[in-house]
Amino acid sequence: MSISDKILKVPLRISLSIILVGLLLKILQWPYARETMMVGFAATGILYLFRFWKKNEKKFLDIVKLVLVVSWTLNGLLRTLHLTYTTFFQIVIGLSFVTWFVMEGTAYFLDEDRRSKNQRIQVIWNFAMVVGALAIIAGSILNVLNWRFAIPLLVVGITIIAAYILKDIFTPKKIDGGDPNNEEFQL
């Protein structure tokens, strides 16, 4: 199955964005942060289980991804509820992530012919993703040091990451093999 026709791609991205919105609410100490994060984690876990179940051919790598996502969502739910014993799930997450990275790793970002599929706009979006991730890391570290601009930096980083996750939802799809005249009738 190619990356472009994966089952439940948009709902999964929306559920991941809901988790990020919940994190923003928690960082800003706004109400309903806990509930938002729980809905996002639960939706991600259920949607991915359904996605795995609907898959025709299940390979070992698909099972590794399922274990990674389900353990991550369960860990997120338990930590959101402030329950103990999340160490087990964190170990499973680490082991399944290392297994996924060894088996697939950066090949996930290549097309079927194993060529890089980065166009200029994708490079810009990837750069934005890196900037967002660095903003989150820097904001987290600076928040520990009680820097006064740490929270806005975290908010900017999480917003960039959420935009990156949702970018494909709002961009128009290319019509391959379509009329080059935008389907206008020319005499």
N, C-alpha and C. Protein backbone atom coordinates (compact mmCIF):
# COMPACT_ATOMS: atom_id res chain seq x y z
N MET A 1 0.85 -1.17 0.00
CA MET A 1 0.00 0.00 0.00
C MET A 1 0.89 1.22 0.00
N SER A 2 0.66 2.12 -0.93
CA SER A 2 1.50 3.32 -0.99
C SER A 2 1.09 4.29 0.10
N ILE A 3 1.96 5.24 0.36
CA ILE A 3 1.72 6.20 1.42
C ILE A 3 0.49 7.05 1.13
N SER A 4 0.22 7.35 -0.14
CA SER A 4 -0.86 8.26 -0.47
C SER A 4 -2.25 7.66 -0.28
N ASP A 5 -2.40 6.35 -0.33
CA ASP A 5 -3.73 5.76 -0.21
C ASP A 5 -3.87 4.93 1.07
N LYS A 6 -3.30 5.39 2.15
CA LYS A 6 -3.44 4.72 3.43
C LYS A 6 -4.83 4.99 3.99
N ILE A 7 -5.33 4.00 4.71
CA ILE A 7 -6.66 4.08 5.29
C ILE A 7 -6.65 5.04 6.48
N LEU A 8 -7.66 5.89 6.58
CA LEU A 8 -7.88 6.79 7.72
C LEU A 8 -6.74 7.79 7.93
N LYS A 9 -6.11 8.23 6.87
CA LYS A 9 -4.99 9.16 6.98
C LYS A 9 -5.43 10.49 7.59
N VAL A 10 -6.51 11.05 7.09
CA VAL A 10 -6.96 12.36 7.56
C VAL A 10 -7.48 12.30 9.00
N PRO A 11 -8.34 11.32 9.36
CA PRO A 11 -8.78 11.28 10.77
C PRO A 11 -7.63 11.07 11.75
N LEU A 12 -6.64 10.28 11.37
CA LEU A 12 -5.49 10.10 12.26
C LEU A 12 -4.72 11.40 12.44
N ARG A 13 -4.55 12.14 11.37
CA ARG A 13 -3.86 13.43 11.49
C ARG A 13 -4.66 14.40 12.35
N ILE A 14 -5.96 14.38 12.22
CA ILE A 14 -6.79 15.25 13.05
C ILE A 14 -6.68 14.85 14.51
N SER A 15 -6.68 13.54 14.80
CA SER A 15 -6.56 13.10 16.19
C SER A 15 -5.19 13.47 16.78
N LEU A 16 -4.14 13.41 15.97
CA LEU A 16 -2.82 13.85 16.44
C LEU A 16 -2.82 15.35 16.72
N SER A 17 -3.51 16.10 15.89
CA SER A 17 -3.61 17.55 16.12
C SER A 17 -4.41 17.85 17.38
N ILE A 18 -5.41 17.02 17.67
CA ILE A 18 -6.18 17.20 18.90
C ILE A 18 -5.27 16.99 20.11
N ILE A 19 -4.39 16.01 20.03
CA ILE A 19 -3.42 15.80 21.12
C ILE A 19 -2.55 17.04 21.29
N LEU A 20 -2.09 17.60 20.18
CA LEU A 20 -1.24 18.80 20.27
C LEU A 20 -2.01 19.99 20.83
N VAL A 21 -3.28 20.13 20.45
CA VAL A 21 -4.10 21.21 21.03
C VAL A 21 -4.26 20.99 22.53
N GLY A 22 -4.46 19.74 22.94
CA GLY A 22 -4.53 19.44 24.37
C GLY A 22 -3.25 19.79 25.10
N LEU A 23 -2.10 19.52 24.46
CA LEU A 23 -0.82 19.91 25.06
C LEU A 23 -0.71 21.43 25.20
N LEU A 24 -1.16 22.13 24.16
CA LEU A 24 -1.17 23.59 24.24
C LEU A 24 -2.04 24.08 25.39
N LEU A 25 -3.23 23.50 25.51
CA LEU A 25 -4.13 23.89 26.60
C LEU A 25 -3.49 23.62 27.96
N LYS A 26 -2.78 22.49 28.05
CA LYS A 26 -2.13 22.15 29.32
C LYS A 26 -0.98 23.10 29.63
N ILE A 27 -0.18 23.43 28.62
CA ILE A 27 0.93 24.35 28.82
C ILE A 27 0.42 25.73 29.25
N LEU A 28 -0.66 26.18 28.60
CA LEU A 28 -1.23 27.49 28.92
C LEU A 28 -2.13 27.46 30.14
N GLN A 29 -2.31 26.27 30.73
CA GLN A 29 -3.14 26.06 31.91
C GLN A 29 -4.57 26.53 31.69
N TRP A 30 -5.10 26.19 30.53
CA TRP A 30 -6.49 26.48 30.20
C TRP A 30 -7.35 25.29 30.54
N PRO A 31 -8.65 25.50 30.66
CA PRO A 31 -9.52 24.36 31.01
C PRO A 31 -9.64 23.36 29.86
N TYR A 32 -10.07 22.17 30.21
CA TYR A 32 -10.34 21.05 29.29
C TYR A 32 -9.09 20.51 28.61
N ALA A 33 -7.94 20.78 29.14
CA ALA A 33 -6.71 20.23 28.55
C ALA A 33 -6.67 18.72 28.70
N ARG A 34 -6.99 18.25 29.88
CA ARG A 34 -6.96 16.81 30.15
C ARG A 34 -7.95 16.06 29.26
N GLU A 35 -9.15 16.58 29.16
CA GLU A 35 -10.18 15.93 28.35
C GLU A 35 -9.82 15.93 26.87
N THR A 36 -9.25 17.04 26.40
CA THR A 36 -8.85 17.14 25.00
C THR A 36 -7.75 16.12 24.68
N MET A 37 -6.78 16.02 25.56
CA MET A 37 -5.70 15.05 25.34
C MET A 37 -6.22 13.62 25.39
N MET A 38 -7.14 13.34 26.30
CA MET A 38 -7.69 11.99 26.38
C MET A 38 -8.47 11.63 25.12
N VAL A 39 -9.25 12.56 24.61
CA VAL A 39 -9.99 12.32 23.37
C VAL A 39 -9.01 12.08 22.22
N GLY A 40 -7.97 12.89 22.14
CA GLY A 40 -6.98 12.72 21.07
C GLY A 40 -6.25 11.40 21.14
N PHE A 41 -5.80 11.01 22.35
CA PHE A 41 -5.11 9.73 22.49
C PHE A 41 -6.04 8.56 22.20
N ALA A 42 -7.26 8.61 22.74
CA ALA A 42 -8.20 7.51 22.51
C ALA A 42 -8.55 7.40 21.03
N ALA A 43 -8.80 8.53 20.38
CA ALA A 43 -9.13 8.50 18.95
C ALA A 43 -7.97 7.95 18.13
N THR A 44 -6.76 8.36 18.45
CA THR A 44 -5.59 7.85 17.71
C THR A 44 -5.45 6.35 17.87
N GLY A 45 -5.58 5.86 19.08
CA GLY A 45 -5.47 4.42 19.32
C GLY A 45 -6.56 3.63 18.61
N ILE A 46 -7.80 4.08 18.72
CA ILE A 46 -8.92 3.36 18.10
C ILE A 46 -8.81 3.42 16.58
N LEU A 47 -8.50 4.59 16.03
CA LEU A 47 -8.39 4.71 14.57
C LEU A 47 -7.25 3.85 14.02
N TYR A 48 -6.14 3.80 14.74
CA TYR A 48 -5.03 2.99 14.23
C TYR A 48 -5.33 1.50 14.34
N LEU A 49 -6.02 1.10 15.41
CA LEU A 49 -6.44 -0.30 15.51
C LEU A 49 -7.37 -0.66 14.34
N PHE A 50 -8.30 0.22 14.03
CA PHE A 50 -9.22 -0.01 12.91
C PHE A 50 -8.45 -0.04 11.59
N ARG A 51 -7.48 0.84 11.45
CA ARG A 51 -6.66 0.88 10.23
C ARG A 51 -5.90 -0.44 10.05
N PHE A 52 -5.33 -0.94 11.14
CA PHE A 52 -4.59 -2.20 11.09
C PHE A 52 -5.54 -3.35 10.75
N TRP A 53 -6.71 -3.36 11.35
CA TRP A 53 -7.68 -4.42 11.12
C TRP A 53 -8.15 -4.45 9.67
N LYS A 54 -8.31 -3.27 9.03
CA LYS A 54 -8.79 -3.19 7.65
C LYS A 54 -7.70 -3.51 6.63
N LYS A 55 -6.46 -3.58 7.06
CA LYS A 55 -5.36 -3.84 6.14
C LYS A 55 -5.44 -5.27 5.63
N ASN A 56 -5.29 -5.45 4.33
CA ASN A 56 -5.39 -6.78 3.73
C ASN A 56 -4.20 -7.66 4.09
N GLU A 57 -3.01 -7.14 3.83
CA GLU A 57 -1.79 -7.92 4.08
C GLU A 57 -1.06 -7.31 5.26
N LYS A 58 -0.93 -8.09 6.33
CA LYS A 58 -0.27 -7.61 7.54
C LYS A 58 1.13 -8.22 7.62
N LYS A 59 2.14 -7.36 7.59
CA LYS A 59 3.53 -7.80 7.69
C LYS A 59 4.03 -7.57 9.11
N PHE A 60 5.23 -8.06 9.39
CA PHE A 60 5.81 -7.88 10.72
C PHE A 60 5.97 -6.39 11.05
N LEU A 61 6.37 -5.61 10.06
CA LEU A 61 6.54 -4.17 10.29
C LEU A 61 5.21 -3.50 10.65
N ASP A 62 4.11 -3.96 10.09
CA ASP A 62 2.80 -3.43 10.44
C ASP A 62 2.46 -3.73 11.90
N ILE A 63 2.83 -4.91 12.35
CA ILE A 63 2.60 -5.28 13.75
C ILE A 63 3.46 -4.42 14.67
N VAL A 64 4.69 -4.16 14.27
CA VAL A 64 5.58 -3.29 15.06
C VAL A 64 4.97 -1.89 15.18
N LYS A 65 4.46 -1.36 14.07
CA LYS A 65 3.83 -0.04 14.10
C LYS A 65 2.59 -0.05 14.99
N LEU A 66 1.81 -1.12 14.93
CA LEU A 66 0.63 -1.23 15.78
C LEU A 66 1.02 -1.22 17.25
N VAL A 67 2.04 -2.00 17.61
CA VAL A 67 2.50 -2.03 19.00
C VAL A 67 3.01 -0.66 19.42
N LEU A 68 3.73 0.01 18.53
CA LEU A 68 4.24 1.35 18.83
C LEU A 68 3.10 2.34 19.09
N VAL A 69 2.13 2.38 18.21
CA VAL A 69 1.04 3.34 18.35
C VAL A 69 0.14 3.02 19.53
N VAL A 70 -0.22 1.76 19.70
CA VAL A 70 -1.11 1.39 20.81
C VAL A 70 -0.43 1.62 22.16
N SER A 71 0.83 1.25 22.29
CA SER A 71 1.51 1.48 23.56
C SER A 71 1.71 2.97 23.82
N TRP A 72 1.94 3.75 22.76
CA TRP A 72 2.08 5.20 22.92
C TRP A 72 0.76 5.83 23.37
N THR A 73 -0.35 5.41 22.77
CA THR A 73 -1.63 5.98 23.16
C THR A 73 -2.04 5.54 24.57
N LEU A 74 -1.79 4.27 24.91
CA LEU A 74 -2.08 3.84 26.28
C LEU A 74 -1.22 4.58 27.30
N ASN A 75 0.05 4.77 26.98
CA ASN A 75 0.93 5.54 27.86
C ASN A 75 0.41 6.97 28.01
N GLY A 76 -0.01 7.56 26.90
CA GLY A 76 -0.54 8.93 26.96
C GLY A 76 -1.81 9.01 27.80
N LEU A 77 -2.70 8.04 27.65
CA LEU A 77 -3.92 8.04 28.46
C LEU A 77 -3.62 7.86 29.94
N LEU A 78 -2.73 6.92 30.26
CA LEU A 78 -2.39 6.69 31.67
C LEU A 78 -1.69 7.89 32.29
N ARG A 79 -0.82 8.52 31.53
CA ARG A 79 -0.12 9.70 32.07
C ARG A 79 -1.05 10.89 32.19
N THR A 80 -2.01 11.01 31.28
CA THR A 80 -2.99 12.09 31.38
C THR A 80 -3.85 11.92 32.62
N LEU A 81 -4.15 10.67 32.96
CA LEU A 81 -4.94 10.39 34.16
C LEU A 81 -4.08 10.35 35.42
N HIS A 82 -2.78 10.61 35.27
CA HIS A 82 -1.82 10.62 36.39
C HIS A 82 -1.77 9.28 37.10
N LEU A 83 -1.86 8.19 36.33
CA LEU A 83 -1.75 6.86 36.90
C LEU A 83 -0.29 6.41 36.85
N THR A 84 0.04 5.49 37.72
CA THR A 84 1.41 4.99 37.77
C THR A 84 1.58 3.81 36.82
N TYR A 85 2.73 3.23 36.85
CA TYR A 85 3.07 2.04 36.05
C TYR A 85 3.08 2.32 34.55
N THR A 86 3.53 3.48 34.16
CA THR A 86 3.66 3.77 32.73
C THR A 86 5.03 3.37 32.20
N THR A 87 5.92 2.97 33.08
CA THR A 87 7.28 2.59 32.67
C THR A 87 7.26 1.43 31.68
N PHE A 88 6.38 0.46 31.90
CA PHE A 88 6.27 -0.68 30.99
C PHE A 88 5.96 -0.20 29.57
N PHE A 89 4.98 0.69 29.44
CA PHE A 89 4.61 1.18 28.11
C PHE A 89 5.74 1.99 27.48
N GLN A 90 6.49 2.72 28.30
CA GLN A 90 7.61 3.49 27.76
C GLN A 90 8.71 2.58 27.24
N ILE A 91 8.93 1.47 27.90
CA ILE A 91 9.92 0.49 27.42
C ILE A 91 9.45 -0.14 26.11
N VAL A 92 8.17 -0.50 26.04
CA VAL A 92 7.62 -1.07 24.81
C VAL A 92 7.69 -0.05 23.67
N ILE A 93 7.40 1.20 23.96
CA ILE A 93 7.49 2.26 22.95
C ILE A 93 8.93 2.35 22.43
N GLY A 94 9.89 2.38 23.34
CA GLY A 94 11.29 2.47 22.94
C GLY A 94 11.74 1.30 22.09
N LEU A 95 11.39 0.09 22.52
CA LEU A 95 11.79 -1.10 21.76
C LEU A 95 11.12 -1.15 20.38
N SER A 96 9.84 -0.84 20.33
CA SER A 96 9.16 -0.88 19.03
C SER A 96 9.63 0.25 18.12
N PHE A 97 9.97 1.40 18.68
CA PHE A 97 10.50 2.48 17.85
C PHE A 97 11.85 2.10 17.25
N VAL A 98 12.72 1.53 18.08
CA VAL A 98 14.03 1.10 17.58
C VAL A 98 13.85 0.03 16.51
N THR A 99 12.95 -0.91 16.74
CA THR A 99 12.68 -1.95 15.74
C THR A 99 12.19 -1.34 14.44
N TRP A 100 11.22 -0.40 14.53
CA TRP A 100 10.72 0.26 13.33
C TRP A 100 11.84 1.02 12.62
N PHE A 101 12.66 1.74 13.37
CA PHE A 101 13.71 2.55 12.76
C PHE A 101 14.74 1.67 12.07
N VAL A 102 15.07 0.53 12.66
CA VAL A 102 16.03 -0.38 12.04
C VAL A 102 15.45 -0.98 10.77
N MET A 103 14.17 -1.35 10.81
CA MET A 103 13.56 -2.03 9.66
C MET A 103 13.14 -1.08 8.54
N GLU A 104 12.66 0.10 8.89
CA GLU A 104 12.16 1.01 7.85
C GLU A 104 12.86 2.35 7.89
N GLY A 105 12.91 2.95 9.04
CA GLY A 105 13.63 4.21 9.23
C GLY A 105 13.34 5.27 8.20
N THR A 106 14.39 5.79 7.60
CA THR A 106 14.23 6.89 6.66
C THR A 106 13.65 6.44 5.33
N ALA A 107 13.59 5.15 5.05
CA ALA A 107 12.97 4.67 3.81
C ALA A 107 11.48 5.00 3.78
N TYR A 108 10.89 5.29 4.93
CA TYR A 108 9.49 5.69 5.00
C TYR A 108 9.25 6.96 4.20
N PHE A 109 10.25 7.81 4.11
CA PHE A 109 10.12 9.10 3.44
C PHE A 109 10.50 9.04 1.96
N LEU A 110 10.72 7.87 1.43
CA LEU A 110 11.04 7.70 0.02
C LEU A 110 9.84 7.14 -0.71
N ASP A 111 9.78 7.33 -2.02
CA ASP A 111 8.68 6.76 -2.79
C ASP A 111 8.93 5.29 -3.08
N GLU A 112 8.04 4.67 -3.86
CA GLU A 112 8.11 3.24 -4.11
C GLU A 112 9.38 2.83 -4.85
N ASP A 113 9.96 3.71 -5.64
CA ASP A 113 11.18 3.41 -6.38
C ASP A 113 12.43 3.68 -5.56
N ARG A 114 12.25 3.99 -4.26
CA ARG A 114 13.34 4.29 -3.33
C ARG A 114 14.14 5.52 -3.76
N ARG A 115 13.43 6.47 -4.33
CA ARG A 115 14.04 7.75 -4.63
C ARG A 115 13.44 8.78 -3.69
N SER A 116 14.20 9.77 -3.35
CA SER A 116 13.69 10.82 -2.50
C SER A 116 12.61 11.58 -3.23
N LYS A 117 11.53 11.88 -2.54
CA LYS A 117 10.42 12.55 -3.19
C LYS A 117 10.29 14.00 -2.71
N ASN A 118 11.38 14.60 -2.33
CA ASN A 118 11.34 15.97 -1.84
C ASN A 118 11.32 16.96 -2.99
N GLN A 119 10.28 17.73 -3.03
CA GLN A 119 10.20 18.86 -3.93
C GLN A 119 10.47 20.10 -3.09
N ARG A 120 10.49 21.24 -3.73
CA ARG A 120 10.82 22.48 -3.01
C ARG A 120 9.86 22.74 -1.86
N ILE A 121 8.56 22.59 -2.10
CA ILE A 121 7.59 22.85 -1.05
C ILE A 121 7.72 21.85 0.09
N GLN A 122 8.06 20.59 -0.23
CA GLN A 122 8.26 19.59 0.82
C GLN A 122 9.51 19.90 1.64
N VAL A 123 10.53 20.40 1.01
CA VAL A 123 11.74 20.79 1.75
C VAL A 123 11.42 21.94 2.70
N ILE A 124 10.60 22.89 2.24
CA ILE A 124 10.20 24.02 3.10
C ILE A 124 9.38 23.51 4.28
N TRP A 125 8.43 22.61 4.01
CA TRP A 125 7.62 22.06 5.10
C TRP A 125 8.49 21.25 6.07
N ASN A 126 9.44 20.49 5.54
CA ASN A 126 10.33 19.73 6.41
C ASN A 126 11.20 20.65 7.26
N PHE A 127 11.64 21.76 6.66
CA PHE A 127 12.39 22.75 7.42
C PHE A 127 11.53 23.34 8.53
N ALA A 128 10.26 23.62 8.22
CA ALA A 128 9.34 24.13 9.24
C ALA A 128 9.16 23.11 10.36
N MET A 129 9.10 21.84 10.01
CA MET A 129 8.96 20.78 11.01
C MET A 129 10.18 20.76 11.94
N VAL A 130 11.34 20.90 11.37
CA VAL A 130 12.57 20.92 12.18
C VAL A 130 12.58 22.15 13.09
N VAL A 131 12.19 23.30 12.55
CA VAL A 131 12.12 24.52 13.36
C VAL A 131 11.12 24.35 14.49
N GLY A 132 9.96 23.75 14.19
CA GLY A 132 8.96 23.51 15.22
C GLY A 132 9.46 22.58 16.30
N ALA A 133 10.14 21.51 15.89
CA ALA A 133 10.69 20.57 16.87
C ALA A 133 11.76 21.23 17.73
N LEU A 134 12.62 22.01 17.11
CA LEU A 134 13.65 22.72 17.88
C LEU A 134 13.04 23.76 18.82
N ALA A 135 11.96 24.41 18.38
CA ALA A 135 11.28 25.38 19.24
C ALA A 135 10.68 24.68 20.45
N ILE A 136 10.13 23.49 20.26
CA ILE A 136 9.57 22.73 21.38
C ILE A 136 10.68 22.31 22.35
N ILE A 137 11.77 21.81 21.80
CA ILE A 137 12.88 21.38 22.65
C ILE A 137 13.47 22.57 23.42
N ALA A 138 13.73 23.66 22.70
CA ALA A 138 14.29 24.85 23.35
C ALA A 138 13.32 25.43 24.38
N GLY A 139 12.04 25.50 24.01
CA GLY A 139 11.05 26.02 24.94
C GLY A 139 10.93 25.17 26.19
N SER A 140 11.04 23.85 26.04
CA SER A 140 10.97 22.96 27.20
C SER A 140 12.16 23.17 28.12
N ILE A 141 13.34 23.22 27.53
CA ILE A 141 14.55 23.43 28.34
C ILE A 141 14.52 24.80 29.01
N LEU A 142 14.14 25.81 28.26
CA LEU A 142 14.12 27.16 28.82
C LEU A 142 13.00 27.33 29.85
N ASN A 143 11.94 26.55 29.73
CA ASN A 143 10.88 26.60 30.74
C ASN A 143 11.38 26.05 32.06
N VAL A 144 12.22 25.02 32.01
CA VAL A 144 12.82 24.48 33.24
C VAL A 144 13.70 25.55 33.89
N LEU A 145 14.34 26.36 33.06
CA LEU A 145 15.21 27.42 33.57
C LEU A 145 14.46 28.70 33.91
N ASN A 146 13.12 28.64 33.81
CA ASN A 146 12.23 29.77 34.12
C ASN A 146 12.50 31.00 33.26
N TRP A 147 12.80 30.76 31.99
CA TRP A 147 12.95 31.86 31.05
C TRP A 147 11.58 32.38 30.71
N ARG A 148 11.39 33.68 30.65
CA ARG A 148 10.03 34.22 30.52
C ARG A 148 9.43 34.04 29.13
N PHE A 149 10.23 33.76 28.11
CA PHE A 149 9.68 33.56 26.77
C PHE A 149 9.60 32.08 26.38
N ALA A 150 9.72 31.20 27.36
CA ALA A 150 9.70 29.77 27.07
C ALA A 150 8.32 29.29 26.62
N ILE A 151 7.27 29.76 27.27
CA ILE A 151 5.91 29.31 26.93
C ILE A 151 5.52 29.78 25.52
N PRO A 152 5.76 31.04 25.15
CA PRO A 152 5.45 31.41 23.76
C PRO A 152 6.26 30.61 22.74
N LEU A 153 7.49 30.27 23.07
CA LEU A 153 8.30 29.45 22.18
C LEU A 153 7.71 28.05 22.03
N LEU A 154 7.25 27.47 23.13
CA LEU A 154 6.57 26.18 23.09
C LEU A 154 5.30 26.25 22.24
N VAL A 155 4.52 27.30 22.44
CA VAL A 155 3.27 27.46 21.69
C VAL A 155 3.56 27.57 20.19
N VAL A 156 4.56 28.33 19.81
CA VAL A 156 4.93 28.46 18.40
C VAL A 156 5.37 27.12 17.84
N GLY A 157 6.18 26.39 18.58
CA GLY A 157 6.66 25.08 18.12
C GLY A 157 5.53 24.10 17.93
N ILE A 158 4.63 24.02 18.89
CA ILE A 158 3.50 23.09 18.78
C ILE A 158 2.57 23.50 17.65
N THR A 159 2.37 24.79 17.46
CA THR A 159 1.53 25.26 16.36
C THR A 159 2.14 24.90 15.01
N ILE A 160 3.43 25.04 14.87
CA ILE A 160 4.11 24.67 13.61
C ILE A 160 3.97 23.18 13.36
N ILE A 161 4.16 22.37 14.39
CA ILE A 161 4.04 20.91 14.23
C ILE A 161 2.61 20.53 13.86
N ALA A 162 1.61 21.17 14.50
CA ALA A 162 0.21 20.88 14.16
C ALA A 162 -0.09 21.27 12.72
N ALA A 163 0.44 22.40 12.28
CA ALA A 163 0.25 22.81 10.88
C ALA A 163 0.92 21.82 9.93
N TYR A 164 2.08 21.31 10.30
CA TYR A 164 2.77 20.32 9.48
C TYR A 164 1.94 19.04 9.35
N ILE A 165 1.35 18.61 10.46
CA ILE A 165 0.54 17.39 10.43
C ILE A 165 -0.70 17.58 9.56
N LEU A 166 -1.29 18.76 9.61
CA LEU A 166 -2.53 19.01 8.86
C LEU A 166 -2.31 19.58 7.47
N LYS A 167 -1.07 19.75 7.03
CA LYS A 167 -0.80 20.43 5.76
C LYS A 167 -1.46 19.76 4.56
N ASP A 168 -1.50 18.44 4.54
CA ASP A 168 -2.08 17.73 3.41
C ASP A 168 -3.60 17.84 3.34
N ILE A 169 -4.22 18.15 4.45
CA ILE A 169 -5.68 18.27 4.47
C ILE A 169 -6.11 19.53 3.72
N PHE A 170 -5.34 20.58 3.86
CA PHE A 170 -5.74 21.86 3.30
C PHE A 170 -5.13 22.17 1.93
N THR A 171 -4.21 21.35 1.47
CA THR A 171 -3.61 21.59 0.15
C THR A 171 -4.41 20.85 -0.90
N PRO A 172 -4.63 21.47 -2.05
CA PRO A 172 -5.40 20.78 -3.10
C PRO A 172 -4.58 19.65 -3.70
N LYS A 173 -5.27 18.60 -4.11
CA LYS A 173 -4.62 17.46 -4.72
C LYS A 173 -4.35 17.75 -6.19
N LYS A 174 -3.20 17.25 -6.69
CA LYS A 174 -2.88 17.39 -8.10
C LYS A 174 -3.70 16.39 -8.90
N ILE A 175 -4.19 16.82 -10.04
CA ILE A 175 -4.92 15.93 -10.93
C ILE A 175 -3.94 15.46 -11.98
N ASP A 176 -3.53 14.19 -11.89
CA ASP A 176 -2.59 13.65 -12.85
C ASP A 176 -3.32 13.25 -14.12
N GLY A 177 -2.74 13.57 -15.24
CA GLY A 177 -3.33 13.20 -16.52
C GLY A 177 -4.54 14.02 -16.85
N GLY A 178 -4.70 15.14 -16.20
CA GLY A 178 -5.86 15.99 -16.44
C GLY A 178 -5.65 16.91 -17.63
N ASP A 179 -6.65 17.69 -17.91
CA ASP A 179 -6.60 18.64 -19.01
C ASP A 179 -5.64 19.77 -18.65
N PRO A 180 -4.67 20.07 -19.49
CA PRO A 180 -3.73 21.14 -19.16
C PRO A 180 -4.37 22.52 -19.19
N ASN A 181 -5.54 22.66 -19.76
CA ASN A 181 -6.22 23.96 -19.84
C ASN A 181 -7.24 24.12 -18.72
N ASN A 182 -7.04 23.45 -17.60
CA ASN A 182 -7.94 23.51 -16.46
C ASN A 182 -9.36 23.16 -16.85
N GLU A 183 -9.49 22.22 -17.76
CA GLU A 183 -10.76 21.68 -18.22
C GLU A 183 -11.68 22.74 -18.84
N GLU A 184 -11.09 23.75 -19.41
CA GLU A 184 -11.89 24.76 -20.12
C GLU A 184 -12.04 24.33 -21.57
N PHE A 185 -13.21 24.60 -22.12
CA PHE A 185 -13.46 24.26 -23.50
C PHE A 185 -12.94 25.36 -24.40
N GLN A 186 -12.02 25.03 -25.29
CA GLN A 186 -11.41 26.00 -26.19
C GLN A 186 -11.88 25.75 -27.60
N LEU A 187 -12.27 26.78 -28.32
CA LEU A 187 -12.65 26.65 -29.73
C LEU A 187 -11.53 27.07 -30.63
